[in-house]
């Protein structure tokens, strides 16, 4: 029998959003390492009843209306009893920024049952994400109690490079990848004159794609023989993004060179990856004050088997021979450097993809299960 793990989530769960996909990835990763995983999560049924579920079964029905809303935040007895009864080795909690006396008591009692308790803090630091009055109030409570909650844990799981979070030691893992969902590219042989660059993202100003467009404008002025086409896949999220990208395209007459595809997925996206020679990661994380970040985008590019450029620090890729590190500033991207790089690159798509096998959720959750805390 594998290790018994309870995966505890304080929020609902929908099939399609990114967070739920990630949680399924983690659960499957644990199972692939032989763990027996039980999922415990909170949800509001169609009837309006607020319930805690274990896998698909209702563990406790808190009823509906205001009293049920309050019980959701303070009454964790059913979970406590379930854990005690079932002898879990590990309880893995996903933080909902909900440190308070009740969650502290819950964790204390789980530890007393003999289980190791780890809490994943998905984004850290997170205070800056709270901007409405209601959110700020919730954050106040969390801030009052989070160090006390952390003290009760065996470790905080993080995707950052922090050794400590809220005074508790961390276990650092990376955002894992579901290789099954990302096909490898099969490059199309083209006449050598055209080079295709590809960026896939929900486009925010911190992606810094304007730096690439400025670089293209400079490259065009040099009257070079090779035509460079930049494919941008994704929605422009706001006014700043539209200004940053549409204005320079107009100004420099790059309508033929920069193709805005909007959002694409499935075969249409796969075809673009086959056509592309090189991919574009984030070039403007410094605009939001972030230096080290392990983005999902870099991992997806590598899983596709395409070389790419980015400007942040990413410990999983900084030393690889198939990436270019751009400077973390506002300078235009040097297109000639990219072309020279592609020319000399001998690494095949298969080799690029193989280089990140341990970044699968199976590999990342294995790091967690192998940690000294569980031995």
Protein backbone atom coordinates (compact mmCIF):
# COMPACT_ATOMS: atom_id res chain seq x y z
CA UNK A 1 0.00 0.00 0.00
CA UNK A 2 1.25 3.47 -0.87
CA UNK A 3 1.34 6.42 1.47
CA UNK A 4 -2.11 7.76 2.42
CA UNK A 5 -2.48 11.41 1.45
CA UNK A 6 -5.37 13.79 2.05
CA UNK A 7 -5.41 16.73 -0.39
CA UNK A 8 -7.39 19.50 1.29
CA UNK A 9 -8.77 22.52 -0.59
CA UNK A 10 -10.82 25.27 1.03
CA UNK A 11 -12.47 26.38 -2.20
CA UNK A 12 -14.69 24.99 -4.94
CA UNK A 13 -13.49 23.20 -7.94
CA UNK A 14 -14.40 23.57 -11.59
CA UNK A 15 -13.35 21.30 -14.40
CA UNK A 16 -11.77 23.84 -16.69
CA UNK A 17 -9.97 26.63 -14.93
CA UNK A 18 -6.19 26.60 -14.71
CA UNK A 19 -6.09 26.17 -10.93
CA UNK A 20 -8.26 23.04 -11.00
CA UNK A 21 -6.20 21.59 -13.85
CA UNK A 22 -3.10 22.18 -11.78
CA UNK A 23 -4.61 20.48 -8.73
CA UNK A 24 -5.57 17.43 -10.82
CA UNK A 25 -2.00 17.41 -12.15
CA UNK A 26 -0.68 17.35 -8.59
CA UNK A 27 -3.10 14.64 -7.46
CA UNK A 28 -2.23 12.47 -10.48
CA UNK A 29 1.46 13.14 -9.83
CA UNK A 30 1.06 11.83 -6.26
CA UNK A 31 -0.81 8.75 -7.54
CA UNK A 32 1.89 8.05 -10.15
CA UNK A 33 4.32 7.83 -7.22
CA UNK A 34 2.15 5.16 -5.60
CA UNK A 35 0.34 7.38 -3.08
CA UNK A 36 -3.32 6.74 -2.21
CA UNK A 37 -4.91 10.17 -2.54
CA UNK A 38 -8.21 11.35 -1.10
CA UNK A 39 -9.45 14.76 -2.21
CA UNK A 40 -11.36 16.82 0.33
CA UNK A 41 -12.87 20.08 -0.91
CA UNK A 42 -15.57 22.61 -0.18
CA UNK A 43 -18.36 23.34 -2.64
CA UNK A 44 -21.78 24.94 -2.92
CA UNK A 45 -24.29 22.50 -4.40
CA UNK A 46 -26.89 23.56 -6.99
CA UNK A 47 -29.45 23.42 -4.16
CA UNK A 48 -27.54 26.16 -2.32
CA UNK A 49 -26.29 23.72 0.33
CA UNK A 50 -22.72 24.30 1.43
CA UNK A 51 -20.92 20.98 1.76
CA UNK A 52 -17.49 19.44 2.34
CA UNK A 53 -16.88 16.52 0.02
CA UNK A 54 -14.48 13.62 0.18
CA UNK A 55 -13.83 12.57 -3.42
CA UNK A 56 -17.45 12.52 -4.66
CA UNK A 57 -19.18 11.84 -1.34
CA UNK A 58 -20.61 14.44 1.00
CA UNK A 59 -18.60 14.43 4.23
CA UNK A 60 -20.77 17.03 5.94
CA UNK A 61 -23.67 19.24 4.84
CA UNK A 62 -23.41 22.66 6.50
CA UNK A 63 -26.91 23.65 5.33
CA UNK A 64 -27.60 26.92 3.54
CA UNK A 65 -27.98 30.63 4.29
CA UNK A 66 -25.87 32.80 6.59
CA UNK A 67 -25.31 30.21 9.31
CA UNK A 68 -23.83 27.81 6.74
CA UNK A 69 -21.53 30.57 5.44
CA UNK A 70 -20.26 31.14 8.96
CA UNK A 71 -19.85 27.42 9.69
CA UNK A 72 -17.75 27.10 6.52
CA UNK A 73 -15.22 29.45 8.09
CA UNK A 74 -15.15 28.15 11.66
CA UNK A 75 -16.40 24.56 11.88
CA UNK A 76 -13.84 21.99 10.75
CA UNK A 77 -14.86 19.18 13.12
CA UNK A 78 -15.93 16.81 10.35
CA UNK A 79 -12.56 17.08 8.61
CA UNK A 80 -10.74 16.66 11.93
CA UNK A 81 -12.66 13.48 12.75
CA UNK A 82 -12.20 12.11 9.23
CA UNK A 83 -8.42 12.57 9.42
CA UNK A 84 -8.17 10.97 12.86
CA UNK A 85 -10.27 8.00 11.76
CA UNK A 86 -8.32 7.37 8.55
CA UNK A 87 -4.67 7.53 9.62
CA UNK A 88 -3.27 9.73 6.85
CA UNK A 89 0.53 10.00 6.60
CA UNK A 90 0.37 13.35 4.83
CA UNK A 91 -2.23 16.10 4.74
CA UNK A 92 -1.49 18.51 1.87
CA UNK A 93 -3.37 21.79 2.23
CA UNK A 94 -3.66 24.41 -0.48
CA UNK A 95 -3.60 27.80 1.23
CA UNK A 96 -6.63 29.98 0.65
CA UNK A 97 -4.99 32.81 2.62
CA UNK A 98 -7.31 31.82 5.44
CA UNK A 99 -5.15 31.72 8.57
CA UNK A 100 -7.38 32.19 11.64
CA UNK A 101 -7.88 30.52 15.05
CA UNK A 102 -10.11 27.85 13.46
CA UNK A 103 -7.71 26.74 10.72
CA UNK A 104 -4.89 26.81 13.32
CA UNK A 105 -6.89 24.49 15.56
CA UNK A 106 -7.62 22.21 12.60
CA UNK A 107 -3.92 21.88 11.70
CA UNK A 108 -2.95 21.33 15.34
CA UNK A 109 -5.40 18.44 15.69
CA UNK A 110 -4.25 16.90 12.36
CA UNK A 111 -0.63 16.99 13.56
CA UNK A 112 -1.72 15.36 16.83
CA UNK A 113 -3.23 12.51 14.82
CA UNK A 114 0.31 11.74 13.63
CA UNK A 115 0.06 13.09 10.08
CA UNK A 116 2.65 15.35 8.47
CA UNK A 117 1.01 18.62 7.40
CA UNK A 118 2.27 20.69 4.48
CA UNK A 119 0.62 23.81 3.16
CA UNK A 120 1.18 25.07 -0.36
CA UNK A 121 1.25 28.85 -0.74
CA UNK A 122 0.66 29.07 -4.52
CA UNK A 123 1.85 32.68 -4.99
CA UNK A 124 4.26 34.39 -2.63
CA UNK A 125 4.28 37.19 -1.70
CA UNK A 126 0.52 37.65 -2.24
CA UNK A 127 -0.46 40.77 -0.25
CA UNK A 128 -0.24 42.95 -3.36
CA UNK A 129 -3.06 40.96 -5.01
CA UNK A 130 -5.63 42.25 -2.50
CA UNK A 131 -7.18 45.50 -3.70
CA UNK A 132 -10.86 45.77 -2.68
CA UNK A 133 -12.01 46.74 0.82
CA UNK A 134 -13.58 43.32 1.48
CA UNK A 135 -10.41 41.56 0.34
CA UNK A 136 -8.25 43.85 2.48
CA UNK A 137 -10.30 42.93 5.53
CA UNK A 138 -9.81 39.21 4.85
CA UNK A 139 -6.10 39.84 4.37
CA UNK A 140 -5.93 41.60 7.77
CA UNK A 141 -7.17 38.46 9.51
CA UNK A 142 -4.77 36.28 7.52
CA UNK A 143 -1.86 38.57 8.40
CA UNK A 144 -2.71 38.44 12.10
CA UNK A 145 -2.60 34.65 12.21
CA UNK A 146 -0.44 33.34 9.36
CA UNK A 147 2.81 33.07 11.35
CA UNK A 148 0.96 31.14 14.05
CA UNK A 149 -0.58 28.85 11.45
CA UNK A 150 2.82 28.32 9.77
CA UNK A 151 4.33 27.38 13.15
CA UNK A 152 1.89 24.43 13.33
CA UNK A 153 2.95 23.06 9.92
CA UNK A 154 5.79 20.71 9.05
CA UNK A 155 6.65 22.84 6.00
CA UNK A 156 5.33 25.39 3.55
CA UNK A 157 5.42 24.23 -0.09
CA UNK A 158 6.40 27.03 -2.49
CA UNK A 159 7.15 27.60 -6.19
CA UNK A 160 9.38 30.53 -5.21
CA UNK A 161 13.02 30.62 -4.06
CA UNK A 162 12.24 31.59 -0.47
CA UNK A 163 13.87 29.40 2.21
CA UNK A 164 11.33 30.56 4.76
CA UNK A 165 7.75 31.77 4.51
CA UNK A 166 5.97 33.19 7.57
CA UNK A 167 8.84 31.91 9.73
CA UNK A 168 8.42 28.27 8.59
CA UNK A 169 10.93 26.37 6.44
CA UNK A 170 9.90 25.79 2.85
CA UNK A 171 9.98 22.85 0.50
CA UNK A 172 10.66 24.26 -2.98
CA UNK A 173 9.09 22.59 -5.99
CA UNK A 174 8.38 23.80 -9.52
CA UNK A 175 5.10 24.22 -11.35
CA UNK A 176 4.70 20.83 -12.96
CA UNK A 177 3.66 20.08 -16.50
CA UNK A 178 1.12 17.66 -17.85
CA UNK A 179 3.09 16.24 -20.80
CA UNK A 180 0.02 14.39 -22.00
CA UNK A 181 -1.68 17.70 -22.78
CA UNK A 182 1.23 19.27 -24.74
CA UNK A 183 2.20 17.74 -28.10
CA UNK A 184 5.80 18.00 -29.33
CA UNK A 185 6.35 20.12 -32.41
CA UNK A 186 7.31 18.71 -35.81
CA UNK A 187 9.19 21.54 -37.52
CA UNK A 188 8.18 22.25 -41.11
CA UNK A 189 11.07 22.64 -43.54
CA UNK A 190 10.73 26.05 -45.14
CA UNK A 191 12.75 28.05 -47.64
CA UNK A 192 15.54 29.60 -45.55
CA UNK A 193 14.42 33.20 -46.08
CA UNK A 194 11.58 33.41 -43.54
CA UNK A 195 11.99 33.08 -39.80
CA UNK A 196 8.90 32.72 -37.63
CA UNK A 197 8.79 33.82 -33.98
CA UNK A 198 5.85 32.80 -31.77
CA UNK A 199 4.50 34.09 -28.47
CA UNK A 200 1.53 32.46 -26.75
CA UNK A 201 0.06 34.26 -23.74
CA UNK A 202 -2.88 36.17 -22.38
CA UNK A 203 -1.07 39.39 -23.23
CA UNK A 204 -0.12 41.63 -20.27
CA UNK A 205 2.31 44.55 -20.22
CA UNK A 206 4.74 42.50 -18.14
CA UNK A 207 5.19 40.12 -21.07
CA UNK A 208 7.14 42.97 -22.66
CA UNK A 209 6.32 41.95 -26.24
CA UNK A 210 6.66 45.62 -27.18
CA UNK A 211 10.45 45.15 -26.72
CA UNK A 212 10.36 42.54 -29.48
CA UNK A 213 8.32 44.81 -31.76
CA UNK A 214 10.82 47.67 -31.19
CA UNK A 215 13.59 45.22 -32.07
CA UNK A 216 11.78 44.22 -35.27
CA UNK A 217 11.44 47.88 -36.26
CA UNK A 218 15.21 48.35 -35.89
CA UNK A 219 15.87 45.11 -37.78
CA UNK A 220 13.63 46.22 -40.67
CA UNK A 221 15.62 49.44 -41.04
CA UNK A 222 18.75 47.41 -41.72
CA UNK A 223 17.28 46.13 -45.01
CA UNK A 224 18.20 42.52 -44.18
CA UNK A 225 17.71 39.66 -46.56
CA UNK A 226 15.75 37.50 -44.12
CA UNK A 227 12.11 38.21 -43.41
CA UNK A 228 11.12 37.84 -39.74
CA UNK A 229 7.47 37.22 -38.85
CA UNK A 230 6.24 37.53 -35.26
CA UNK A 231 3.06 35.57 -34.43
CA UNK A 232 1.26 36.81 -31.32
CA UNK A 233 -1.34 34.37 -30.00
CA UNK A 234 -3.66 35.56 -27.24
CA UNK A 235 -5.97 38.41 -26.24
CA UNK A 236 -4.62 41.89 -25.53
CA UNK A 237 -5.87 42.26 -21.95
CA UNK A 238 -6.05 46.04 -21.54
CA UNK A 239 -5.53 49.57 -22.79
CA UNK A 240 -1.83 49.70 -21.88
CA UNK A 241 -1.24 46.47 -23.82
CA UNK A 242 -3.07 47.82 -26.88
CA UNK A 243 -1.00 51.03 -26.78
CA UNK A 244 2.28 49.13 -26.29
CA UNK A 245 1.67 46.78 -29.20
CA UNK A 246 -0.71 48.32 -31.75
CA UNK A 247 0.87 51.80 -31.79
CA UNK A 248 4.43 50.71 -32.72
CA UNK A 249 3.08 48.28 -35.36
CA UNK A 250 1.33 51.23 -37.03
CA UNK A 251 4.17 53.65 -36.48
CA UNK A 252 6.84 51.39 -37.99
CA UNK A 253 4.62 49.85 -40.69
CA UNK A 254 5.00 46.31 -39.35
CA UNK A 255 1.51 45.05 -40.31
CA UNK A 256 3.08 42.33 -42.50
CA UNK A 257 5.64 41.33 -39.86
CA UNK A 258 3.48 41.12 -36.74
CA UNK A 259 0.45 38.86 -36.96
CA UNK A 260 -2.13 39.11 -34.16
CA UNK A 261 -3.98 35.79 -34.08
CA UNK A 262 -6.17 36.28 -31.01
CA UNK A 263 -6.63 33.20 -28.81
CA UNK A 264 -5.89 29.81 -30.41
CA UNK A 265 -5.72 26.24 -29.12
CA UNK A 266 -5.82 22.65 -30.34
CA UNK A 267 -4.63 21.86 -33.87
CA UNK A 268 -4.51 25.51 -34.96
CA UNK A 269 -1.97 26.21 -32.22
CA UNK A 270 -0.04 22.98 -32.88
CA UNK A 271 0.34 23.98 -36.54
CA UNK A 272 1.79 27.36 -35.56
CA UNK A 273 4.33 25.65 -33.29
CA UNK A 274 5.34 23.42 -36.21
CA UNK A 275 5.84 26.50 -38.38
CA UNK A 276 7.68 28.55 -35.74
CA UNK A 277 11.46 28.54 -35.37
CA UNK A 278 11.69 30.20 -31.97
CA UNK A 279 9.38 31.20 -29.10
CA UNK A 280 9.10 34.35 -26.99
CA UNK A 281 8.67 34.16 -23.21
CA UNK A 282 8.22 37.11 -20.82
CA UNK A 283 10.45 40.10 -21.49
CA UNK A 284 9.08 42.51 -18.90
CA UNK A 285 8.73 40.83 -15.51
CA UNK A 286 11.01 43.55 -14.10
CA UNK A 287 8.10 45.93 -14.70
CA UNK A 288 6.24 44.30 -11.81
CA UNK A 289 9.34 43.95 -9.65
CA UNK A 290 9.73 40.19 -10.14
CA UNK A 291 13.19 38.75 -10.60
CA UNK A 292 13.00 34.97 -10.01
CA UNK A 293 9.90 33.19 -11.33
CA UNK A 294 9.32 29.74 -12.75
CA UNK A 295 6.64 30.50 -15.32
CA UNK A 296 4.41 27.87 -16.82
CA UNK A 297 5.07 29.42 -20.23
CA UNK A 298 8.79 28.53 -20.29
CA UNK A 299 7.92 24.97 -19.33
CA UNK A 300 5.26 24.68 -22.03
CA UNK A 301 7.69 25.96 -24.68
CA UNK A 302 10.30 23.40 -23.58
CA UNK A 303 7.67 20.63 -23.56
CA UNK A 304 6.80 21.59 -27.15
CA UNK A 305 10.49 21.27 -27.99
CA UNK A 306 11.08 24.85 -29.16
CA UNK A 307 14.00 27.15 -28.21
CA UNK A 308 12.97 30.44 -26.53
CA UNK A 309 13.97 33.76 -24.98
CA UNK A 310 12.99 35.31 -21.61
CA UNK A 311 14.36 37.96 -19.26
CA UNK A 312 13.58 36.83 -15.71
CA UNK A 313 15.67 34.37 -13.66
CA UNK A 314 14.33 30.84 -14.00
CA UNK A 315 16.54 28.32 -12.16
CA UNK A 316 15.24 25.43 -14.27
CA UNK A 317 16.37 26.97 -17.58
CA UNK A 318 19.06 29.59 -16.97
CA UNK A 319 21.87 27.12 -17.82
CA UNK A 320 20.21 25.46 -20.86
CA UNK A 321 21.76 25.75 -24.30
CA UNK A 322 18.41 26.23 -26.09
CA UNK A 323 17.43 29.51 -24.43
CA UNK A 324 18.52 33.14 -24.80
CA UNK A 325 18.53 35.31 -21.68
CA UNK A 326 17.40 38.83 -22.57
CA UNK A 327 18.44 41.68 -20.30
CA UNK A 328 15.80 42.65 -17.70
CA UNK A 329 15.43 46.23 -18.92
CA UNK A 330 13.60 48.28 -21.55
CA UNK A 331 16.08 47.85 -24.41
CA UNK A 332 14.74 46.56 -27.77
CA UNK A 333 15.38 42.85 -28.39
CA UNK A 334 18.24 42.15 -30.80
CA UNK A 335 16.62 40.22 -33.67
CA UNK A 336 19.97 39.45 -35.34
CA UNK A 337 21.11 37.73 -32.12
CA UNK A 338 18.05 35.45 -32.31
CA UNK A 339 18.74 34.61 -35.98
CA UNK A 340 22.41 33.80 -35.28
CA UNK A 341 21.32 31.66 -32.34
CA UNK A 342 18.81 29.65 -34.40
CA UNK A 343 21.47 29.15 -37.10
CA UNK A 344 23.95 27.48 -34.77
CA UNK A 345 21.45 25.58 -32.58
CA UNK A 346 21.77 21.82 -32.98
CA UNK A 347 19.35 20.74 -30.22
CA UNK A 348 16.36 18.72 -31.50
CA UNK A 349 12.77 19.16 -30.23
CA UNK A 350 13.01 15.70 -28.60
CA UNK A 351 16.14 16.67 -26.68
CA UNK A 352 14.57 19.92 -25.46
CA UNK A 353 11.46 18.09 -24.27
CA UNK A 354 13.49 15.31 -22.63
CA UNK A 355 15.54 17.88 -20.68
CA UNK A 356 12.53 18.76 -18.51
CA UNK A 357 11.11 15.31 -17.75
CA UNK A 358 11.62 15.84 -14.03
CA UNK A 359 9.39 18.92 -14.24
CA UNK A 360 6.34 16.71 -14.74
CA UNK A 361 3.95 16.70 -11.79
CA UNK A 362 5.08 13.13 -11.17
CA UNK A 363 8.67 14.36 -10.77
CA UNK A 364 7.71 17.35 -8.60
CA UNK A 365 5.40 15.41 -6.28
CA UNK A 366 8.08 12.75 -5.96
CA UNK A 367 10.43 15.43 -4.55
CA UNK A 368 7.75 16.17 -1.99
CA UNK A 369 7.18 12.52 -1.01
CA UNK A 370 10.95 11.93 -0.78
CA UNK A 371 11.50 14.88 1.56
CA UNK A 372 13.05 14.13 4.98
CA UNK A 373 9.80 15.24 6.64
CA UNK A 374 8.05 12.10 5.46
CA UNK A 375 10.77 9.55 6.12
